[in-house]
Amino acid sequence: MNRKKARLSGLLFIASIMLVVSACGNSNTSNETNMNTKEAAAPAAQQTAAAETSLPSDEPKIEDEGTLTVYLNDFDEIIAPLFEAATGYKVDLVAGNGAEIMSRVEAEKGNPHWDVIWMDAMPSIYGLGESGQLMEGWAPDNLANLTDFAKSFVPEKNWYVPTGAHAAGVIVYNTDKVAAADAPKTWAEFADAKYKDMIGMADPAVAAPAYPFVSWFFNDMGMEPAKAFYSDLMKNGLKVYPKNPNVVKSLTSGEITIAALQESNAYVMKNNKEPIEIIWPEEGAPASVRVAAIQKETKNPNAAKAFIEFLLDPKTQQALIDQGEESYFEPSVNGVNPKQDRATNAKLVAADASWASEKEAAIKQWFADQSVN
């Protein structure tokens, strides 16, 4: 019996030791679990702070390398002092007619010298976007303030922004030579035999607004009907001049008595007391939409973006209307007042930019072929 009791006592002692060891092991596991639970339940703010300390700081701002270079039509050069005074950025303007500027851009395709292009040439600039030469995806802060009309011209990839639109051509006639009752009221009337050798317009291959003018007819009518329309005009003695100022001179001299004339030129003539009258056709005047775009590889991105923002500022557009050379236009942003003497019934129409870009070379070549024949 004593041996049995001794054995039982020994077994009980071993069992108690195992229980202690087991308890110690469970205690350690429980402590680890509690620690993990506490870490998982740490306040969100602490977790966020920890995460932020492990993330890199904001990317450093890219510094501009020099003076901003802007290619633009040969007018509204007041933009340089206005922009420099407002922002402190220096700007170099390179001005020329539509053909000159686009030829320069094409020649520099492998090594662009420009940062921003600002022209009455939406189809041509759309083509620059399609060929990968323009910054895309960036949108200026004040894009939301565009008018509904202007919003319709913003491309999907934000290649450019519209800064205004003007009539690439309104009907103008010399009141000393043509009675009001006899003046054409629609574009279709230009082909009337009674206007033989009386009508002029700018060359779509040279003058920046002239291609947007003719492209609307081709887009609206279709290629072949539009060719037939212009063929009839040419048979009726239509005269084609390099630029709108040449059209003005011909109207003044009496070489022509009726014209499709860009609206600023038309209103300047009227304000200078020239014997002319302006007619806005009910079907609309084809618009030249002025757009601004940034060169994809610009070395001055900060100044370039600031320039675009500046052009969309209502104060800037009002200054261009109040002080600029090409001051007769429909502003692209809300909060701007057009010229008071600009017609209240001024209706603008425009060709689709993608279509007009695709057909630009063919239409310009067609006109060039007609001048040779």
Protein backbone atom coordinates (compact mmCIF):
# COMPACT_ATOMS: atom_id res chain seq x y z
CA MET A 1 0.00 0.00 0.00
CA ASN A 2 2.85 2.34 0.83
CA ARG A 3 4.38 1.69 -2.61
CA LYS A 4 1.06 2.41 -4.31
CA LYS A 5 0.69 5.63 -2.37
CA ALA A 6 4.22 6.63 -3.27
CA ARG A 7 3.59 5.89 -6.97
CA LEU A 8 0.31 7.84 -6.91
CA SER A 9 2.01 10.75 -5.22
CA GLY A 10 4.69 10.70 -7.91
CA LEU A 11 2.15 10.68 -10.72
CA LEU A 12 0.24 13.55 -9.15
CA PHE A 13 3.48 15.53 -8.84
CA ILE A 14 4.35 14.99 -12.53
CA ALA A 15 0.82 15.96 -13.58
CA SER A 16 1.00 19.15 -11.57
CA ILE A 17 4.33 20.03 -13.20
CA MET A 18 2.83 19.50 -16.69
CA LEU A 19 -0.13 21.70 -15.80
CA VAL A 20 2.20 24.50 -14.69
CA VAL A 21 4.23 24.25 -17.90
CA SER A 22 1.07 24.21 -19.98
CA ALA A 23 -0.29 27.19 -18.13
CA CYS A 24 2.93 29.08 -18.71
CA GLY A 25 2.80 28.29 -22.42
CA ASN A 26 -0.81 29.44 -22.70
CA SER A 27 0.05 32.62 -20.86
CA ASN A 28 2.79 33.52 -23.38
CA THR A 29 0.47 32.86 -26.35
CA SER A 30 -2.25 34.97 -24.78
CA ASN A 31 0.17 37.86 -24.23
CA GLU A 32 1.31 37.76 -27.89
CA THR A 33 -2.28 37.69 -29.07
CA ASN A 34 -3.16 40.63 -26.87
CA MET A 35 -0.19 42.60 -28.22
CA ASN A 36 -1.20 41.90 -31.82
CA THR A 37 -4.78 42.90 -31.06
CA LYS A 38 -3.64 46.17 -29.52
CA GLU A 39 -1.50 46.97 -32.55
CA ALA A 40 -4.36 46.19 -34.91
CA ALA A 41 -6.66 48.39 -32.88
CA ALA A 42 -4.30 51.37 -32.84
CA PRO A 43 -6.01 54.67 -33.54
CA ALA A 44 -6.50 55.38 -37.27
CA ALA A 45 -4.69 58.69 -36.94
CA GLN A 46 -1.57 56.91 -35.63
CA GLN A 47 -1.71 54.37 -38.46
CA THR A 48 -2.13 57.17 -41.04
CA ALA A 49 0.77 59.10 -39.57
CA ALA A 50 2.95 56.02 -39.73
CA ALA A 51 1.95 55.40 -43.32
CA GLU A 52 2.68 59.01 -44.28
CA THR A 53 6.14 58.86 -42.81
CA SER A 54 6.89 55.86 -45.01
CA LEU A 55 5.68 57.55 -48.23
CA PRO A 56 7.88 59.84 -50.33
CA SER A 57 7.16 63.56 -50.12
CA ASP A 58 5.48 65.44 -52.97
CA GLU A 59 7.42 65.43 -56.22
CA PRO A 60 9.65 68.49 -56.60
CA LYS A 61 8.26 71.21 -58.83
CA ILE A 62 9.74 71.22 -62.32
CA GLU A 63 11.53 74.50 -62.92
CA ASP A 64 11.16 76.38 -66.19
CA GLU A 65 14.31 76.70 -68.27
CA GLY A 66 13.82 80.12 -69.83
CA THR A 67 11.50 82.57 -71.54
CA LEU A 68 8.11 81.34 -72.72
CA THR A 69 7.85 81.33 -76.52
CA VAL A 70 4.38 81.79 -78.00
CA TYR A 71 3.57 81.34 -81.70
CA LEU A 72 0.49 83.33 -82.69
CA ASN A 73 -1.30 85.16 -85.47
CA ASP A 74 0.08 88.58 -86.34
CA PHE A 75 -2.24 90.51 -84.07
CA ASP A 76 -3.07 90.90 -80.37
CA GLU A 77 0.56 91.34 -79.44
CA ILE A 78 -0.66 93.32 -76.44
CA ILE A 79 -0.91 89.93 -74.74
CA ALA A 80 2.82 89.99 -73.91
CA PRO A 81 2.86 93.05 -71.62
CA LEU A 82 -0.47 92.06 -70.11
CA PHE A 83 0.77 88.57 -69.25
CA GLU A 84 4.14 89.72 -67.96
CA ALA A 85 2.55 92.36 -65.74
CA ALA A 86 0.04 89.89 -64.30
CA THR A 87 2.36 86.91 -63.73
CA GLY A 88 5.97 88.03 -63.85
CA TYR A 89 6.77 85.45 -66.54
CA LYS A 90 8.72 86.68 -69.56
CA VAL A 91 7.29 85.87 -72.97
CA ASP A 92 8.68 86.00 -76.50
CA LEU A 93 6.05 86.33 -79.23
CA VAL A 94 6.62 84.94 -82.73
CA ALA A 95 3.85 86.30 -84.95
CA GLY A 96 2.84 85.50 -88.52
CA ASN A 97 -0.07 84.54 -90.72
CA GLY A 98 -1.59 81.08 -90.50
CA ALA A 99 0.50 79.56 -93.27
CA GLU A 100 3.75 81.01 -91.90
CA ILE A 101 3.20 79.78 -88.36
CA MET A 102 2.08 76.28 -89.33
CA SER A 103 4.99 75.96 -91.78
CA ARG A 104 7.34 76.93 -88.97
CA VAL A 105 5.79 74.38 -86.61
CA GLU A 106 6.14 71.66 -89.24
CA ALA A 107 9.77 72.58 -89.94
CA GLU A 108 10.59 72.38 -86.22
CA LYS A 109 8.74 69.11 -85.66
CA GLY A 110 11.88 67.30 -84.52
CA ASN A 111 13.09 70.20 -82.39
CA PRO A 112 10.22 72.56 -81.48
CA HIS A 113 11.20 76.09 -80.51
CA TRP A 114 7.74 77.01 -79.24
CA ASP A 115 6.02 76.42 -75.92
CA VAL A 116 2.50 77.62 -76.72
CA ILE A 117 0.62 78.09 -79.98
CA TRP A 118 -2.34 80.49 -80.00
CA MET A 119 -4.07 80.84 -83.35
CA ASP A 120 -7.28 81.09 -85.34
CA ALA A 121 -6.63 77.61 -86.67
CA MET A 122 -8.53 75.02 -84.66
CA PRO A 123 -8.45 72.29 -87.38
CA SER A 124 -4.68 72.67 -87.84
CA ILE A 125 -4.02 72.58 -84.11
CA TYR A 126 -6.31 69.59 -83.75
CA GLY A 127 -3.99 67.90 -86.24
CA LEU A 128 -1.01 68.71 -84.02
CA GLY A 129 -2.79 66.94 -81.18
CA GLU A 130 -3.47 63.86 -83.29
CA SER A 131 0.18 63.68 -84.30
CA GLY A 132 1.32 63.69 -80.67
CA GLN A 133 2.81 67.18 -80.55
CA LEU A 134 0.60 68.66 -77.83
CA MET A 135 0.34 68.27 -74.08
CA GLU A 136 -2.77 66.30 -73.23
CA GLY A 137 -4.72 65.44 -70.10
CA TRP A 138 -4.06 68.73 -68.30
CA ALA A 139 -7.03 71.04 -67.79
CA PRO A 140 -6.83 74.64 -66.60
CA ASP A 141 -8.63 75.47 -63.36
CA ASN A 142 -11.05 77.89 -65.00
CA LEU A 143 -12.15 75.54 -67.78
CA ALA A 144 -15.52 75.25 -66.06
CA ASN A 145 -16.20 78.93 -66.78
CA LEU A 146 -16.34 78.36 -70.54
CA THR A 147 -19.56 79.31 -72.26
CA ASP A 148 -21.72 76.48 -73.58
CA PHE A 149 -20.69 77.42 -77.13
CA ALA A 150 -16.99 77.26 -76.26
CA LYS A 151 -17.33 73.99 -74.33
CA SER A 152 -18.42 72.28 -77.54
CA PHE A 153 -14.93 72.84 -78.98
CA VAL A 154 -12.88 71.32 -76.16
CA PRO A 155 -11.30 68.07 -77.45
CA GLU A 156 -11.55 64.86 -75.43
CA LYS A 157 -7.86 64.86 -74.53
CA ASN A 158 -7.74 68.59 -73.72
CA TRP A 159 -5.18 69.30 -76.44
CA TYR A 160 -6.25 72.93 -76.56
CA VAL A 161 -8.69 75.44 -75.12
CA PRO A 162 -10.86 77.89 -77.08
CA THR A 163 -10.19 81.52 -76.20
CA GLY A 164 -12.82 83.07 -78.45
CA ALA A 165 -14.52 82.79 -81.81
CA HIS A 166 -15.19 85.31 -84.55
CA ALA A 167 -16.83 85.26 -87.93
CA ALA A 168 -14.25 84.16 -90.46
CA GLY A 169 -16.54 85.78 -92.96
CA VAL A 170 -19.59 88.02 -92.88
CA ILE A 171 -21.23 89.54 -95.96
CA VAL A 172 -19.95 93.06 -96.58
CA TYR A 173 -20.99 95.30 -99.46
CA ASN A 174 -20.02 98.77 -100.69
CA THR A 175 -23.04 101.01 -100.19
CA ASP A 176 -21.85 103.39 -102.91
CA LYS A 177 -21.98 100.60 -105.48
CA VAL A 178 -24.73 98.28 -104.23
CA ALA A 179 -28.16 99.26 -102.94
CA ALA A 180 -29.31 97.60 -99.71
CA ALA A 181 -32.19 95.91 -101.54
CA ASP A 182 -29.78 94.42 -104.08
CA ALA A 183 -27.17 93.13 -101.63
CA PRO A 184 -26.89 89.36 -101.06
CA LYS A 185 -28.46 88.17 -97.80
CA THR A 186 -27.32 84.52 -97.96
CA TRP A 187 -24.17 82.70 -99.02
CA ALA A 188 -26.03 80.90 -101.80
CA GLU A 189 -26.72 84.23 -103.50
CA PHE A 190 -23.00 84.74 -104.08
CA ALA A 191 -23.35 82.58 -107.21
CA ASP A 192 -26.06 84.83 -108.68
CA ALA A 193 -25.07 86.12 -112.11
CA LYS A 194 -25.89 89.70 -111.11
CA TYR A 195 -22.84 89.64 -108.81
CA LYS A 196 -20.41 88.59 -111.53
CA ASP A 197 -16.87 89.87 -110.90
CA MET A 198 -18.03 91.74 -107.80
CA ILE A 199 -17.10 89.37 -104.94
CA GLY A 200 -13.85 88.66 -103.08
CA MET A 201 -12.59 86.55 -100.17
CA ALA A 202 -9.32 85.54 -98.46
CA ASP A 203 -7.27 82.53 -99.52
CA PRO A 204 -7.88 79.48 -97.28
CA ALA A 205 -4.31 78.31 -97.87
CA VAL A 206 -2.80 81.55 -96.50
CA ALA A 207 -5.13 83.46 -94.17
CA ALA A 208 -5.70 81.68 -90.84
CA PRO A 209 -9.47 82.41 -90.66
CA ALA A 210 -10.12 81.59 -94.32
CA TYR A 211 -9.80 77.82 -94.00
CA PRO A 212 -12.31 77.63 -91.11
CA PHE A 213 -14.58 79.72 -93.36
CA VAL A 214 -14.54 77.38 -96.35
CA SER A 215 -14.36 74.20 -94.25
CA TRP A 216 -17.82 74.89 -92.84
CA PHE A 217 -19.31 74.79 -96.35
CA PHE A 218 -17.51 71.55 -97.17
CA ASN A 219 -18.54 69.99 -93.84
CA ASP A 220 -22.13 71.20 -94.14
CA MET A 221 -22.70 70.44 -97.82
CA GLY A 222 -20.36 67.51 -98.37
CA MET A 223 -17.16 67.54 -100.37
CA GLU A 224 -18.53 67.29 -103.91
CA PRO A 225 -21.49 69.70 -103.47
CA ALA A 226 -19.13 72.23 -101.87
CA LYS A 227 -16.69 71.92 -104.76
CA ALA A 228 -19.57 72.56 -107.15
CA PHE A 229 -20.66 75.59 -105.08
CA TYR A 230 -17.20 77.18 -105.12
CA SER A 231 -16.72 76.28 -108.77
CA ASP A 232 -19.88 78.25 -109.55
CA LEU A 233 -18.55 81.19 -107.52
CA MET A 234 -15.27 81.13 -109.42
CA LYS A 235 -17.06 80.96 -112.74
CA ASN A 236 -18.95 84.01 -111.54
CA GLY A 237 -15.66 85.87 -111.11
CA LEU A 238 -14.86 85.28 -107.42
CA LYS A 239 -11.55 86.92 -106.56
CA VAL A 240 -9.32 85.25 -103.94
CA TYR A 241 -6.80 87.43 -102.06
CA PRO A 242 -3.95 86.31 -99.79
CA LYS A 243 -5.34 87.83 -96.59
CA ASN A 244 -8.32 89.77 -95.28
CA PRO A 245 -6.49 93.15 -95.29
CA ASN A 246 -6.06 92.65 -99.05
CA VAL A 247 -9.80 92.14 -99.31
CA VAL A 248 -10.31 95.41 -97.42
CA LYS A 249 -8.09 97.29 -99.86
CA SER A 250 -9.98 95.90 -102.82
CA LEU A 251 -13.30 96.91 -101.29
CA THR A 252 -11.96 100.40 -100.62
CA SER A 253 -10.54 100.81 -104.12
CA GLY A 254 -13.68 99.52 -105.80
CA GLU A 255 -11.98 96.49 -107.36
CA ILE A 256 -14.72 94.44 -105.68
CA THR A 257 -18.00 95.63 -104.18
CA ILE A 258 -19.03 92.59 -102.13
CA ALA A 259 -16.94 90.34 -99.90
CA ALA A 260 -16.86 87.50 -97.43
CA LEU A 261 -14.79 89.41 -94.89
CA GLN A 262 -13.49 88.53 -91.43
CA GLU A 263 -15.58 90.42 -88.88
CA SER A 264 -12.94 92.56 -87.16
CA ASN A 265 -11.83 93.86 -90.55
CA ALA A 266 -15.44 94.55 -91.43
CA TYR A 267 -16.20 96.50 -88.26
CA VAL A 268 -12.97 98.48 -88.49
CA MET A 269 -13.98 99.55 -91.98
CA LYS A 270 -17.37 100.63 -90.69
CA ASN A 271 -15.84 102.49 -87.73
CA ASN A 272 -13.50 104.26 -90.16
CA LYS A 273 -16.58 105.57 -91.99
CA GLU A 274 -15.94 103.49 -95.08
CA PRO A 275 -19.09 103.18 -97.22
CA ILE A 276 -19.85 99.58 -96.31
CA GLU A 277 -22.60 97.64 -94.59
CA ILE A 278 -22.40 94.32 -92.75
CA ILE A 279 -24.86 91.47 -93.08
CA TRP A 280 -24.97 88.45 -90.79
CA PRO A 281 -26.63 85.64 -92.80
CA GLU A 282 -29.49 83.88 -91.06
CA GLU A 283 -27.85 80.50 -91.68
CA GLY A 284 -24.85 81.71 -89.72
CA ALA A 285 -21.37 83.04 -90.33
CA PRO A 286 -18.65 80.35 -90.38
CA ALA A 287 -16.56 80.77 -87.25
CA SER A 288 -12.84 80.87 -86.81
CA VAL A 289 -12.29 79.47 -83.32
CA ARG A 290 -9.13 80.73 -81.69
CA VAL A 291 -7.44 78.09 -79.56
CA ALA A 292 -4.33 77.84 -77.41
CA ALA A 293 -2.25 74.69 -76.90
CA ILE A 294 0.95 73.69 -75.10
CA GLN A 295 3.79 71.90 -76.84
CA LYS A 296 4.21 68.39 -75.44
CA GLU A 297 7.93 68.70 -74.66
CA THR A 298 7.84 72.29 -73.43
CA LYS A 299 10.76 73.27 -71.23
CA ASN A 300 8.62 75.94 -69.56
CA PRO A 301 5.52 74.08 -68.33
CA ASN A 302 4.75 76.45 -65.47
CA ALA A 303 4.73 79.57 -67.62
CA ALA A 304 2.86 77.74 -70.39
CA LYS A 305 0.06 76.65 -68.06
CA ALA A 306 -0.06 80.10 -66.53
CA PHE A 307 -0.46 81.56 -70.04
CA ILE A 308 -3.43 79.29 -70.78
CA GLU A 309 -5.03 80.19 -67.46
CA PHE A 310 -4.43 83.85 -68.25
CA LEU A 311 -6.17 83.58 -71.63
CA LEU A 312 -9.24 82.10 -69.93
CA ASP A 313 -9.42 84.87 -67.34
CA PRO A 314 -12.47 87.07 -68.02
CA LYS A 315 -10.35 90.17 -67.32
CA THR A 316 -7.91 89.15 -70.05
CA GLN A 317 -10.60 88.54 -72.65
CA GLN A 318 -12.26 91.83 -71.74
CA ALA A 319 -8.92 93.59 -72.21
CA LEU A 320 -8.52 91.97 -75.65
CA ILE A 321 -11.99 93.21 -76.60
CA ASP A 322 -11.39 96.69 -75.21
CA GLN A 323 -7.80 97.17 -76.43
CA GLY A 324 -6.83 94.43 -78.91
CA GLU A 325 -6.44 94.59 -82.68
CA GLU A 326 -8.86 91.70 -83.27
CA SER A 327 -11.38 92.99 -80.77
CA TYR A 328 -14.57 91.80 -82.43
CA PHE A 329 -15.14 88.26 -81.26
CA GLU A 330 -17.38 86.12 -79.11
CA PRO A 331 -15.60 85.51 -75.80
CA SER A 332 -15.11 81.93 -74.67
CA VAL A 333 -15.70 82.55 -70.97
CA ASN A 334 -18.62 83.91 -69.00
CA GLY A 335 -18.47 87.40 -67.55
CA VAL A 336 -17.13 89.18 -70.65
CA ASN A 337 -18.96 91.76 -72.76
CA PRO A 338 -18.47 91.76 -76.55
CA LYS A 339 -18.19 95.02 -78.46
CA GLN A 340 -21.39 97.02 -78.10
CA ASP A 341 -21.69 97.59 -81.85
CA ARG A 342 -21.27 93.89 -82.66
CA ALA A 343 -24.54 92.60 -84.07
CA THR A 344 -26.92 91.14 -81.49
CA ASN A 345 -28.02 88.56 -84.06
CA ALA A 346 -24.45 87.39 -84.67
CA LYS A 347 -24.79 83.66 -85.27
CA LEU A 348 -21.64 81.57 -85.57
CA VAL A 349 -21.38 78.08 -87.02
CA ALA A 350 -18.30 75.89 -87.26
CA ALA A 351 -17.09 72.73 -88.95
CA ASP A 352 -16.26 69.75 -86.78
CA ALA A 353 -12.58 70.12 -85.84
CA SER A 354 -11.70 66.46 -86.40
CA TRP A 355 -13.35 66.42 -89.82
CA ALA A 356 -11.87 69.77 -90.84
CA SER A 357 -8.41 68.62 -89.75
CA GLU A 358 -8.67 65.40 -91.73
CA LYS A 359 -9.80 67.22 -94.89
CA GLU A 360 -7.60 70.29 -94.55
CA ALA A 361 -4.86 69.29 -96.98
CA ALA A 362 -7.34 68.08 -99.61
CA ILE A 363 -9.51 71.21 -99.45
CA LYS A 364 -6.57 73.61 -99.55
CA GLN A 365 -5.06 71.68 -102.46
CA TRP A 366 -8.36 71.85 -104.32
CA PHE A 367 -8.41 75.65 -103.97
CA ALA A 368 -4.79 75.86 -105.07
CA ASP A 369 -5.60 73.80 -108.16
CA GLN A 370 -8.45 76.14 -109.08
CA SER A 371 -6.19 79.19 -108.92
CA VAL A 372 -3.79 77.52 -111.36
CA ASN A 373 -6.48 76.61 -113.85
